[in-house]
Amino acid sequence: MKGMQTGSNGPIEVTDVKLADFLCFAVYSTNLAFGKVYRPILEELGLTYTQYVTIIALWEEDDQTVSGLGEKLFLESNTLTPILKKLESMGYLTRERDKANERQVRISLTESGRQLRERAFSINLTDACGLTSEEFSALQKEVVRLRSNLLKAAHGEE
């Protein structure tokens, strides 16, 4: 209903809305908290969070196109390309034109990129979150569902 927000205790008048009542702020501030937990391992690896998730996506599926990787990471090509160039200069991946389609660039991990895996998984997020593994999994699935619904709404889909 227009003029109303839904908070944790039910509907609230817009004039009573507090920052803590916004789900978007809860998600945003949780993301900042994740950054604090990740900071030590990222500093040790010499990576930014975006570089880190790019490497993880390549561990999951090596030798993929820039466009395919961008879709997985929710990043546009003009945002992803500088990240890939930096990771290439660090020796973690290679970028090559696709032999079958010269317009596409394929991304592959180097041996150094593959070796990051053991060092990168030294942090236990289930423990850091204070959730059981079942709660962690359920929350992750709900956040993904929320993201999917928001993307549908942003594209005008029902």
C-alpha atoms as a PDB file:
ATOM      1  CA  MET A   1       0.000   0.000   0.000  1.00  0.00           C
ATOM      2  CA  LYS A   2       1.299   3.459  -0.881  1.00  0.00           C
ATOM      3  CA  GLY A   3       2.641   5.485   2.025  1.00  0.00           C
ATOM      4  CA  MET A   4       3.404   2.394   4.092  1.00  0.00           C
ATOM      5  CA  GLN A   5       6.489   0.264   4.569  1.00  0.00           C
ATOM      6  CA  THR A   6       6.651  -3.158   6.103  1.00  0.00           C
ATOM      7  CA  GLY A   7       9.122  -3.454   8.948  1.00  0.00           C
ATOM      8  CA  SER A   8      10.060  -6.381  11.144  1.00  0.00           C
ATOM      9  CA  ASN A   9       7.047  -5.603  13.345  1.00  0.00           C
ATOM     10  CA  GLY A  10       4.506  -5.231  10.524  1.00  0.00           C
ATOM     11  CA  PRO A  11       3.299  -2.171   8.558  1.00  0.00           C
ATOM     12  CA  ILE A  12       4.725   1.201   9.585  1.00  0.00           C
ATOM     13  CA  GLU A  13       3.842   4.731   8.527  1.00  0.00           C
ATOM     14  CA  VAL A  14       6.327   6.359   6.153  1.00  0.00           C
ATOM     15  CA  THR A  15       6.887   9.131   8.698  1.00  0.00           C
ATOM     16  CA  ASP A  16       8.083   6.490  11.207  1.00  0.00           C
ATOM     17  CA  VAL A  17      10.503   4.751   8.835  1.00  0.00           C
ATOM     18  CA  LYS A  18      13.976   4.267  10.230  1.00  0.00           C
ATOM     19  CA  LEU A  19      17.061   3.187   8.315  1.00  0.00           C
ATOM     20  CA  ALA A  20      17.068  -0.120  10.217  1.00  0.00           C
ATOM     21  CA  ASP A  21      13.591  -0.864   8.764  1.00  0.00           C
ATOM     22  CA  PHE A  22      14.891  -1.068   5.182  1.00  0.00           C
ATOM     23  CA  LEU A  23      15.701  -4.541   3.903  1.00  0.00           C
ATOM     24  CA  CYS A  24      18.008  -2.981   1.316  1.00  0.00           C
ATOM     25  CA  PHE A  25      20.053  -1.402   4.127  1.00  0.00           C
ATOM     26  CA  ALA A  26      20.177  -4.689   6.038  1.00  0.00           C
ATOM     27  CA  VAL A  27      21.553  -6.393   2.906  1.00  0.00           C
ATOM     28  CA  TYR A  28      23.972  -3.524   2.188  1.00  0.00           C
ATOM     29  CA  SER A  29      25.340  -3.403   5.744  1.00  0.00           C
ATOM     30  CA  THR A  30      25.609  -7.203   5.823  1.00  0.00           C
ATOM     31  CA  ASN A  31      27.682  -6.992   2.643  1.00  0.00           C
ATOM     32  CA  LEU A  32      29.986  -4.526   4.418  1.00  0.00           C
ATOM     33  CA  ALA A  33      30.279  -6.961   7.348  1.00  0.00           C
ATOM     34  CA  PHE A  34      31.177  -9.771   4.916  1.00  0.00           C
ATOM     35  CA  GLY A  35      33.910  -7.510   3.563  1.00  0.00           C
ATOM     36  CA  LYS A  36      35.397  -7.188   7.043  1.00  0.00           C
ATOM     37  CA  VAL A  37      35.436 -10.979   7.462  1.00  0.00           C
ATOM     38  CA  TYR A  38      37.006 -11.470   4.020  1.00  0.00           C
ATOM     39  CA  ARG A  39      39.571  -8.666   4.414  1.00  0.00           C
ATOM     40  CA  PRO A  40      42.402 -10.732   6.009  1.00  0.00           C
ATOM     41  CA  ILE A  41      42.300 -13.492   3.386  1.00  0.00           C
ATOM     42  CA  LEU A  42      41.916 -10.997   0.523  1.00  0.00           C
ATOM     43  CA  GLU A  43      44.885  -9.004   1.803  1.00  0.00           C
ATOM     44  CA  GLU A  44      46.920 -12.201   2.062  1.00  0.00           C
ATOM     45  CA  LEU A  45      45.965 -13.131  -1.504  1.00  0.00           C
ATOM     46  CA  GLY A  46      46.469  -9.574  -2.779  1.00  0.00           C
ATOM     47  CA  LEU A  47      42.986  -9.560  -4.319  1.00  0.00           C
ATOM     48  CA  THR A  48      39.912  -7.372  -4.185  1.00  0.00           C
ATOM     49  CA  TYR A  49      36.593  -9.040  -3.467  1.00  0.00           C
ATOM     50  CA  THR A  50      35.544  -8.725  -7.124  1.00  0.00           C
ATOM     51  CA  GLN A  51      38.822 -10.291  -8.276  1.00  0.00           C
ATOM     52  CA  TYR A  52      38.292 -13.063  -5.727  1.00  0.00           C
ATOM     53  CA  VAL A  53      34.779 -13.962  -6.942  1.00  0.00           C
ATOM     54  CA  THR A  54      36.046 -13.830 -10.530  1.00  0.00           C
ATOM     55  CA  ILE A  55      38.676 -16.444  -9.663  1.00  0.00           C
ATOM     56  CA  ILE A  56      36.037 -18.561  -7.877  1.00  0.00           C
ATOM     57  CA  ALA A  57      33.796 -18.459 -10.962  1.00  0.00           C
ATOM     58  CA  LEU A  58      36.747 -19.709 -13.026  1.00  0.00           C
ATOM     59  CA  TRP A  59      37.468 -22.504 -10.536  1.00  0.00           C
ATOM     60  CA  GLU A  60      33.860 -23.546 -11.022  1.00  0.00           C
ATOM     61  CA  GLU A  61      34.090 -23.391 -14.827  1.00  0.00           C
ATOM     62  CA  ASP A  62      37.423 -22.700 -16.458  1.00  0.00           C
ATOM     63  CA  ASP A  63      37.793 -21.540 -20.078  1.00  0.00           C
ATOM     64  CA  GLN A  64      34.661 -19.429 -20.372  1.00  0.00           C
ATOM     65  CA  THR A  65      33.821 -16.348 -22.392  1.00  0.00           C
ATOM     66  CA  VAL A  66      33.989 -12.840 -20.957  1.00  0.00           C
ATOM     67  CA  SER A  67      30.248 -12.444 -21.581  1.00  0.00           C
ATOM     68  CA  GLY A  68      29.417 -15.736 -19.844  1.00  0.00           C
ATOM     69  CA  LEU A  69      31.611 -14.834 -16.889  1.00  0.00           C
ATOM     70  CA  GLY A  70      30.021 -11.381 -16.701  1.00  0.00           C
ATOM     71  CA  GLU A  71      26.548 -12.930 -16.532  1.00  0.00           C
ATOM     72  CA  LYS A  72      27.591 -15.177 -13.631  1.00  0.00           C
ATOM     73  CA  LEU A  73      29.115 -12.257 -11.753  1.00  0.00           C
ATOM     74  CA  PHE A  74      26.355  -9.738 -12.626  1.00  0.00           C
ATOM     75  CA  LEU A  75      29.016  -7.474 -14.156  1.00  0.00           C
ATOM     76  CA  GLU A  76      29.008  -5.612 -17.459  1.00  0.00           C
ATOM     77  CA  SER A  77      31.915  -6.208 -19.825  1.00  0.00           C
ATOM     78  CA  ASN A  78      33.263  -2.669 -19.308  1.00  0.00           C
ATOM     79  CA  THR A  79      33.491  -3.375 -15.558  1.00  0.00           C
ATOM     80  CA  LEU A  80      34.824  -6.919 -15.894  1.00  0.00           C
ATOM     81  CA  THR A  81      37.538  -6.253 -18.505  1.00  0.00           C
ATOM     82  CA  PRO A  82      39.803  -4.156 -16.226  1.00  0.00           C
ATOM     83  CA  ILE A  83      39.458  -6.821 -13.515  1.00  0.00           C
ATOM     84  CA  LEU A  84      40.476  -9.524 -15.986  1.00  0.00           C
ATOM     85  CA  LYS A  85      43.411  -7.448 -17.243  1.00  0.00           C
ATOM     86  CA  LYS A  86      44.648  -6.989 -13.669  1.00  0.00           C
ATOM     87  CA  LEU A  87      44.287 -10.705 -12.865  1.00  0.00           C
ATOM     88  CA  GLU A  88      46.139 -11.505 -16.088  1.00  0.00           C
ATOM     89  CA  SER A  89      48.978  -9.131 -15.138  1.00  0.00           C
ATOM     90  CA  MET A  90      49.124 -10.889 -11.746  1.00  0.00           C
ATOM     91  CA  GLY A  91      49.615 -14.201 -13.579  1.00  0.00           C
ATOM     92  CA  TYR A  92      46.309 -15.809 -12.503  1.00  0.00           C
ATOM     93  CA  LEU A  93      44.557 -16.084 -15.869  1.00  0.00           C
ATOM     94  CA  THR A  94      44.946 -15.762 -19.613  1.00  0.00           C
ATOM     95  CA  ARG A  95      42.673 -14.038 -22.125  1.00  0.00           C
ATOM     96  CA  GLU A  96      42.581 -15.353 -25.702  1.00  0.00           C
ATOM     97  CA  ARG A  97      40.341 -14.841 -28.702  1.00  0.00           C
ATOM     98  CA  ASP A  98      38.004 -17.770 -29.277  1.00  0.00           C
ATOM     99  CA  LYS A  99      39.236 -19.743 -32.289  1.00  0.00           C
ATOM    100  CA  ALA A 100      35.665 -20.490 -33.417  1.00  0.00           C
ATOM    101  CA  ASN A 101      34.393 -16.927 -32.906  1.00  0.00           C
ATOM    102  CA  GLU A 102      37.027 -14.181 -33.015  1.00  0.00           C
ATOM    103  CA  ARG A 103      34.569 -11.681 -31.469  1.00  0.00           C
ATOM    104  CA  GLN A 104      34.614 -13.582 -28.178  1.00  0.00           C
ATOM    105  CA  VAL A 105      37.415 -13.663 -25.630  1.00  0.00           C
ATOM    106  CA  ARG A 106      37.917 -16.793 -23.543  1.00  0.00           C
ATOM    107  CA  ILE A 107      39.267 -16.673 -20.005  1.00  0.00           C
ATOM    108  CA  SER A 108      41.311 -19.505 -18.497  1.00  0.00           C
ATOM    109  CA  LEU A 109      43.107 -19.901 -15.196  1.00  0.00           C
ATOM    110  CA  THR A 110      46.852 -20.384 -15.122  1.00  0.00           C
ATOM    111  CA  GLU A 111      48.454 -22.863 -12.745  1.00  0.00           C
ATOM    112  CA  SER A 112      48.994 -19.961 -10.293  1.00  0.00           C
ATOM    113  CA  GLY A 113      45.288 -19.135 -10.473  1.00  0.00           C
ATOM    114  CA  ARG A 114      44.342 -22.732  -9.739  1.00  0.00           C
ATOM    115  CA  GLN A 115      46.786 -22.881  -6.808  1.00  0.00           C
ATOM    116  CA  LEU A 116      45.031 -19.973  -5.060  1.00  0.00           C
ATOM    117  CA  ARG A 117      42.198 -22.321  -4.165  1.00  0.00           C
ATOM    118  CA  GLU A 118      43.732 -23.874  -1.048  1.00  0.00           C
ATOM    119  CA  ARG A 119      44.768 -20.502   0.387  1.00  0.00           C
ATOM    120  CA  ALA A 120      41.437 -18.897  -0.473  1.00  0.00           C
ATOM    121  CA  PHE A 121      39.278 -21.433   1.337  1.00  0.00           C
ATOM    122  CA  SER A 122      40.971 -21.009   4.702  1.00  0.00           C
ATOM    123  CA  ILE A 123      38.064 -18.872   5.981  1.00  0.00           C
ATOM    124  CA  ASN A 124      34.971 -20.638   7.311  1.00  0.00           C
ATOM    125  CA  LEU A 125      31.990 -18.399   6.626  1.00  0.00           C
ATOM    126  CA  THR A 126      29.520 -20.760   8.260  1.00  0.00           C
ATOM    127  CA  ASP A 127      31.319 -20.215  11.573  1.00  0.00           C
ATOM    128  CA  ALA A 128      31.746 -16.465  10.980  1.00  0.00           C
ATOM    129  CA  CYS A 129      28.011 -16.124  10.337  1.00  0.00           C
ATOM    130  CA  GLY A 130      27.109 -17.937  13.549  1.00  0.00           C
ATOM    131  CA  LEU A 131      24.718 -20.184  11.650  1.00  0.00           C
ATOM    132  CA  THR A 132      24.425 -23.932  11.431  1.00  0.00           C
ATOM    133  CA  SER A 133      25.286 -25.343   8.018  1.00  0.00           C
ATOM    134  CA  GLU A 134      21.547 -25.917   7.425  1.00  0.00           C
ATOM    135  CA  GLU A 135      20.687 -22.312   8.383  1.00  0.00           C
ATOM    136  CA  PHE A 136      23.551 -21.014   6.238  1.00  0.00           C
ATOM    137  CA  SER A 137      22.316 -22.999   3.221  1.00  0.00           C
ATOM    138  CA  ALA A 138      18.679 -21.946   3.718  1.00  0.00           C
ATOM    139  CA  LEU A 139      19.621 -18.267   4.084  1.00  0.00           C
ATOM    140  CA  GLN A 140      21.831 -18.386   0.990  1.00  0.00           C
ATOM    141  CA  LYS A 141      18.946 -19.860  -1.031  1.00  0.00           C
ATOM    142  CA  GLU A 142      16.534 -17.169   0.242  1.00  0.00           C
ATOM    143  CA  VAL A 143      18.964 -14.374  -0.625  1.00  0.00           C
ATOM    144  CA  VAL A 144      19.358 -15.823  -4.142  1.00  0.00           C
ATOM    145  CA  ARG A 145      15.558 -15.966  -4.462  1.00  0.00           C
ATOM    146  CA  LEU A 146      15.345 -12.340  -3.303  1.00  0.00           C
ATOM    147  CA  ARG A 147      17.989 -11.304  -5.873  1.00  0.00           C
ATOM    148  CA  SER A 148      16.132 -13.146  -8.650  1.00  0.00           C
ATOM    149  CA  ASN A 149      12.842 -11.489  -7.720  1.00  0.00           C
ATOM    150  CA  LEU A 150      14.467  -8.051  -7.635  1.00  0.00           C
ATOM    151  CA  LEU A 151      16.087  -8.582 -11.044  1.00  0.00           C
ATOM    152  CA  LYS A 152      12.723  -9.652 -12.478  1.00  0.00           C
ATOM    153  CA  ALA A 153      11.081  -6.530 -11.003  1.00  0.00           C
ATOM    154  CA  ALA A 154      13.865  -4.338 -12.413  1.00  0.00           C
ATOM    155  CA  HIS A 155      13.214  -5.772 -15.875  1.00  0.00           C
ATOM    156  CA  GLY A 156       9.436  -5.338 -15.555  1.00  0.00           C
ATOM    157  CA  GLU A 157       8.737  -9.079 -15.325  1.00  0.00           C
ATOM    158  CA  GLU A 158       6.057 -10.536 -13.077  1.00  0.00           C
END
